[in-house]
Protein backbone atom coordinates (compact mmCIF):
# COMPACT_ATOMS: atom_id res chain seq x y z
CA MET A 1 36.28 91.72 -42.62
CA ARG A 2 37.36 90.25 -45.82
CA ILE A 3 35.82 86.82 -46.47
CA ILE A 4 37.38 84.34 -49.09
CA THR A 5 35.41 81.45 -50.40
CA LEU A 6 36.77 78.85 -52.95
CA ASN A 7 35.06 77.59 -56.20
CA VAL A 8 37.60 74.65 -56.61
CA ASN A 9 37.79 71.00 -57.43
CA GLY A 10 39.80 69.98 -54.45
CA ILE A 11 42.44 72.35 -52.87
CA ARG A 12 45.60 70.80 -54.54
CA SER A 13 45.66 72.48 -58.02
CA ALA A 14 44.95 75.90 -55.99
CA ALA A 15 47.90 75.15 -53.47
CA ARG A 16 50.08 74.58 -56.28
CA LYS A 17 49.38 78.30 -57.36
CA GLY A 18 50.72 79.68 -54.06
CA LEU A 19 47.14 80.01 -52.79
CA PHE A 20 47.92 81.12 -49.07
CA ASP A 21 50.64 83.25 -50.05
CA TRP A 22 48.10 85.02 -52.36
CA LEU A 23 45.71 85.30 -49.78
CA ALA A 24 48.05 86.96 -47.36
CA ARG A 25 48.32 89.62 -50.00
CA GLN A 26 44.84 90.05 -50.01
CA ARG A 27 44.79 90.82 -46.33
CA ALA A 28 41.75 88.11 -45.78
CA ASP A 29 40.42 87.62 -42.58
CA VAL A 30 38.57 84.28 -43.16
CA VAL A 31 39.12 81.63 -45.82
CA CYS A 32 36.39 78.80 -46.05
CA LEU A 33 37.21 75.75 -48.14
CA PRO A 34 34.95 73.17 -49.71
CA GLU A 35 33.95 69.92 -48.19
CA LEU A 36 36.20 67.30 -47.86
CA PHE A 37 38.51 69.50 -50.09
CA ALA A 38 41.78 67.34 -49.40
CA THR A 39 40.62 64.22 -51.39
CA PRO A 40 38.01 63.61 -54.35
CA TYR A 41 34.40 63.04 -53.11
CA PHE A 42 34.81 59.75 -52.30
CA CYS A 43 30.90 59.38 -51.04
CA GLN A 44 29.68 58.41 -54.52
CA SER A 45 30.03 54.62 -53.79
CA GLU A 46 30.27 52.57 -50.83
CA ASP A 47 33.86 51.15 -50.28
CA SER A 48 35.27 50.20 -46.78
CA LYS A 49 38.78 50.82 -47.95
CA VAL A 50 38.15 54.36 -48.05
CA PHE A 51 38.22 54.72 -44.22
CA ASP A 52 41.74 54.36 -44.39
CA LEU A 53 41.64 58.24 -45.80
CA ALA A 54 40.22 59.26 -42.23
CA GLU A 55 42.59 60.99 -39.84
CA PRO A 56 42.42 62.58 -36.30
CA VAL A 57 41.73 66.26 -35.73
CA PRO A 58 44.37 67.72 -35.20
CA GLY A 59 46.04 65.64 -37.53
CA PRO A 60 48.18 65.81 -40.63
CA THR A 61 45.69 67.79 -42.84
CA THR A 62 44.94 70.22 -40.05
CA GLU A 63 48.56 70.46 -38.87
CA ALA A 64 49.63 71.53 -42.48
CA ILE A 65 46.36 74.04 -42.83
CA ALA A 66 47.51 75.28 -39.40
CA LYS A 67 50.96 75.93 -40.84
CA ALA A 68 49.77 77.85 -43.82
CA ALA A 69 47.26 79.86 -41.77
CA ARG A 70 50.02 80.94 -39.23
CA THR A 71 52.14 82.19 -42.10
CA ALA A 72 49.35 84.14 -44.05
CA GLY A 73 47.80 85.10 -40.87
CA VAL A 74 44.28 84.07 -41.83
CA VAL A 75 41.63 81.93 -40.31
CA VAL A 76 40.60 78.85 -42.18
CA ILE A 77 37.46 76.64 -42.12
CA ALA A 78 38.48 73.37 -43.69
CA SER A 79 36.44 70.29 -43.81
CA VAL A 80 37.98 67.07 -43.12
CA PHE A 81 37.28 63.12 -42.61
CA GLU A 82 37.74 62.60 -39.25
CA ARG A 83 38.78 59.46 -37.46
CA ARG A 84 37.51 59.64 -34.10
CA ALA A 85 37.92 55.85 -32.72
CA ALA A 86 38.15 52.82 -34.63
CA GLY A 87 34.61 52.65 -36.69
CA VAL A 88 33.47 56.22 -35.83
CA TYR A 89 34.19 58.68 -38.47
CA HIS A 90 32.78 62.19 -39.00
CA ASN A 91 32.56 64.87 -41.60
CA THR A 92 34.09 67.46 -39.81
CA ALA A 93 35.07 71.30 -40.11
CA ALA A 94 38.24 72.43 -38.45
CA LEU A 95 38.30 76.06 -37.42
CA ILE A 96 41.86 77.43 -37.13
CA ASP A 97 42.67 80.60 -35.93
CA ALA A 98 45.12 82.89 -37.73
CA ASP A 99 47.95 81.86 -35.33
CA GLY A 100 47.70 78.52 -36.39
CA SER A 101 45.61 77.34 -33.19
CA LEU A 102 42.65 74.81 -33.82
CA ALA A 103 39.92 77.03 -32.50
CA GLY A 104 37.15 74.35 -32.47
CA VAL A 105 35.64 71.86 -34.40
CA TYR A 106 32.09 71.29 -35.66
CA ARG A 107 30.88 67.66 -36.67
CA LYS A 108 28.25 67.59 -39.52
CA MET A 109 24.85 67.30 -38.14
CA HIS A 110 22.83 66.24 -41.11
CA ILE A 111 23.99 63.39 -43.02
CA PRO A 112 22.49 62.60 -46.65
CA ASP A 113 21.78 59.30 -48.23
CA ASP A 114 21.04 59.90 -51.97
CA PRO A 115 22.29 58.52 -55.11
CA LEU A 116 25.89 59.40 -55.44
CA TYR A 117 25.75 61.02 -51.99
CA TYR A 118 26.17 57.72 -49.77
CA GLU A 119 27.17 59.73 -46.85
CA LYS A 120 25.53 57.53 -44.19
CA PHE A 121 27.61 54.92 -44.94
CA TYR A 122 30.97 56.75 -43.88
CA PHE A 123 29.90 59.32 -41.31
CA THR A 124 28.54 59.47 -37.84
CA PRO A 125 26.08 62.29 -37.32
CA GLY A 126 27.67 65.32 -35.06
CA ASP A 127 27.33 65.27 -31.39
CA LEU A 128 28.68 68.82 -30.75
CA GLY A 129 25.75 70.81 -31.52
CA PHE A 130 25.63 74.09 -33.37
CA ARG A 131 28.52 76.24 -32.20
CA SER A 132 30.07 79.90 -32.70
CA PHE A 133 33.86 80.68 -32.55
CA PRO A 134 35.45 83.89 -32.01
CA LEU A 135 37.74 84.16 -35.14
CA ALA A 136 39.51 87.24 -36.50
CA GLY A 137 37.50 89.14 -33.81
CA VAL A 138 34.23 88.06 -35.04
CA PRO A 139 32.11 85.24 -34.17
CA VAL A 140 31.90 82.61 -36.84
CA GLY A 141 29.84 79.25 -37.07
CA ALA A 142 30.54 76.58 -39.58
CA LEU A 143 27.92 73.98 -40.95
CA ILE A 144 28.62 71.75 -43.71
CA CYS A 145 26.62 71.06 -47.11
CA TRP A 146 23.53 69.12 -46.28
CA ASP A 147 23.48 71.32 -43.07
CA GLN A 148 22.56 74.46 -45.38
CA TRP A 149 18.97 72.94 -46.22
CA PHE A 150 17.76 73.15 -42.65
CA PRO A 151 16.69 76.34 -41.10
CA GLU A 152 17.13 74.96 -37.60
CA ALA A 153 20.73 74.65 -37.99
CA ALA A 154 21.27 78.12 -39.24
CA ARG A 155 18.89 79.62 -36.49
CA MET A 156 20.84 77.61 -33.73
CA THR A 157 24.01 78.74 -35.06
CA ALA A 158 23.07 82.22 -35.11
CA LEU A 159 21.54 82.10 -31.43
CA ALA A 160 25.04 80.78 -30.32
CA GLY A 161 26.30 84.32 -31.47
CA ALA A 162 27.81 83.72 -34.93
CA GLN A 163 27.58 86.66 -37.08
CA VAL A 164 29.19 84.73 -40.26
CA LEU A 165 27.90 81.13 -41.28
CA CYS A 166 30.40 79.47 -43.54
CA TYR A 167 29.33 76.40 -45.40
CA PRO A 168 32.04 74.12 -46.75
CA THR A 169 30.12 72.49 -49.60
CA ALA A 170 30.20 69.60 -52.21
CA ILE A 171 27.04 69.65 -54.27
CA GLY A 172 26.57 68.96 -58.03
CA TRP A 173 24.33 67.68 -60.52
CA HIS A 174 23.29 64.05 -61.08
CA PRO A 175 23.81 63.42 -64.80
CA LYS A 176 19.97 61.95 -65.28
CA GLU A 177 18.86 64.91 -63.37
CA LYS A 178 20.64 68.07 -64.77
CA ALA A 179 18.66 68.70 -67.90
CA GLU A 180 15.19 68.94 -66.49
CA PHE A 181 15.92 69.85 -62.74
CA GLY A 182 19.42 71.47 -63.06
CA ALA A 183 18.36 74.98 -62.80
CA ALA A 184 15.85 74.65 -60.31
CA GLN A 185 18.07 72.47 -58.23
CA HIS A 186 20.60 75.12 -57.94
CA GLU A 187 18.34 78.18 -57.79
CA GLY A 188 16.55 76.43 -54.66
CA TRP A 189 20.08 75.61 -52.88
CA GLU A 190 21.20 79.45 -53.41
CA LEU A 191 17.81 80.77 -52.24
CA MET A 192 17.64 78.61 -49.15
CA GLN A 193 21.20 79.92 -48.00
CA ARG A 194 20.25 83.54 -48.79
CA SER A 195 17.15 83.07 -46.70
CA HIS A 196 19.31 81.98 -43.55
CA ALA A 197 21.05 85.32 -44.20
CA VAL A 198 17.83 87.39 -44.01
CA ALA A 199 15.94 85.36 -41.23
CA ASN A 200 19.13 85.51 -38.85
CA GLY A 201 20.60 88.93 -39.92
CA VAL A 202 24.04 87.26 -41.00
CA PHE A 203 26.36 86.89 -43.61
CA VAL A 204 26.45 83.69 -45.36
CA ALA A 205 29.68 82.36 -46.93
CA VAL A 206 29.40 79.33 -49.32
CA ALA A 207 32.21 77.56 -50.77
CA ASN A 208 31.50 74.62 -53.19
CA ARG A 209 33.60 72.16 -55.39
CA VAL A 210 33.43 72.56 -59.11
CA GLY A 211 34.11 70.41 -62.25
CA THR A 212 33.22 66.72 -62.84
CA GLU A 213 34.39 64.07 -60.27
CA GLY A 214 33.03 60.36 -61.06
CA ASN A 215 29.46 60.70 -61.86
CA LEU A 216 28.88 64.06 -60.39
CA GLU A 217 29.31 67.57 -62.09
CA PHE A 218 29.67 69.99 -59.12
CA TRP A 219 28.09 73.22 -59.86
CA GLY A 220 30.34 75.43 -58.26
CA GLY A 221 28.69 78.91 -57.70
CA SER A 222 30.16 79.69 -54.37
CA PHE A 223 28.81 82.82 -53.00
CA ILE A 224 28.81 85.12 -50.05
CA ALA A 225 25.45 86.95 -49.15
CA ASP A 226 24.95 89.90 -46.72
CA PRO A 227 22.10 90.19 -43.83
CA PHE A 228 19.63 91.33 -46.37
CA GLY A 229 20.39 88.28 -48.46
CA ARG A 230 22.20 90.13 -51.32
CA ILE A 231 24.75 88.44 -53.36
CA LEU A 232 28.01 90.09 -52.62
CA ALA A 233 29.72 87.88 -55.35
CA ARG A 234 29.53 84.64 -56.83
CA ALA A 235 31.40 82.21 -58.62
CA SER A 236 30.76 80.54 -61.90
CA HIS A 237 29.86 77.02 -62.60
CA ASP A 238 32.14 75.77 -64.58
CA LYS A 239 36.02 76.87 -63.68
CA GLU A 240 38.00 77.46 -60.22
CA GLU A 241 37.64 80.73 -58.89
CA VAL A 242 38.63 82.55 -55.41
CA LEU A 243 36.08 85.21 -54.34
CA VAL A 244 37.53 87.72 -51.92
CA VAL A 245 34.80 89.78 -50.54
CA PRO A 246 34.67 92.94 -48.12
CA CYS A 247 31.86 92.62 -45.52
CA ASP A 248 30.73 95.30 -43.59
CA LEU A 249 29.38 93.68 -40.06
CA GLY A 250 27.86 96.82 -39.28
CA LEU A 251 25.25 95.72 -41.47
CA ILE A 252 24.27 92.96 -38.98
CA ASP A 253 23.15 95.65 -36.37
CA ASP A 254 21.29 97.70 -38.71
CA THR A 255 19.40 94.91 -40.35
CA ARG A 256 18.34 93.36 -36.97
CA ARG A 257 17.22 96.75 -35.68
CA ASN A 258 14.95 97.33 -38.88
CA TRP A 259 13.99 93.60 -39.16
CA PRO A 260 13.96 92.19 -35.58
CA PHE A 261 13.13 88.73 -36.17
CA LEU A 262 15.17 87.42 -33.21
CA ARG A 263 13.40 89.96 -30.87
CA ASP A 264 9.79 88.53 -31.99
CA ARG A 265 10.45 84.97 -32.15
CA ARG A 266 7.62 83.00 -30.22
CA VAL A 267 9.98 80.69 -28.09
CA ASP A 268 7.00 79.76 -25.90
CA ALA A 269 5.22 78.24 -29.07
CA TYR A 270 7.76 76.09 -30.70
CA ASP A 271 7.65 73.01 -28.79
CA GLY A 272 6.41 71.20 -32.02
CA LEU A 273 9.81 71.34 -33.50
CA LEU A 274 10.79 68.73 -31.14
CA LYS A 275 8.52 66.35 -32.87
CA ARG A 276 8.95 64.48 -36.12
CA PHE A 277 5.75 65.45 -37.35
CA LEU A 278 2.32 66.93 -36.16
CA ASP A 279 -0.79 65.43 -36.87
CA SER A 280 -3.85 67.17 -37.64
CA SER A 281 -4.57 67.77 -33.65
CA GLY A 282 -1.13 69.69 -33.36
CA LYS A 283 0.03 66.56 -31.56
């Protein structure tokens, strides 16, 4: 399988370069676009007019991507601003198969509310759970940005059968924090997702924005990791790039046989995960 992640500041500049025609020539199987790729990252402020950008799924954006996917013969994972109903909006990953059909959707489950990331104002938490879809003959799961910090999300998606976890992402440095915390923030972000690959014996593909939008400097660094957590390819922090990475899916069986974490899980002992917090007595 050949997986592609994009280190871009929105898809428009890449589209002008004939992106999908180029991808077809690369014989790609799965293409992962960054979070909310079709617009600037609008969650830096709270503005009710922005809701006008939302659209249904399927809708104009997914139909355009479906046409391009069908022409190029590739699977595309695209995060869009979904209008489900008046007053109900989601950050949604549309998983579009190589024939242009909508194979499924995933709605972002974990919604942040931090300075310059005011997503709770815009997005209703997802209600479809953690899912896997057979795409290009391989079970693929999508999670979105803030989801990537939660091991439960990765584990549940892997337990649903996913062999590849794709993370459309929009994460960057707050200007007041970069000098002191920037390196540690990026390292922790990458390390967390590599740990998902190791703990679940899966490939992880991350597509992040890059460049400055408003008050955020998106740190790029899109990457693909194998089931050992090894980085197969990594994009830069400061320019648009497209990663094309062959992934040997046979490594999944090899890894899980030698590191049988799924076999040795104590599913009878994890009730505490259903609680918000445990006190000293374990209750």
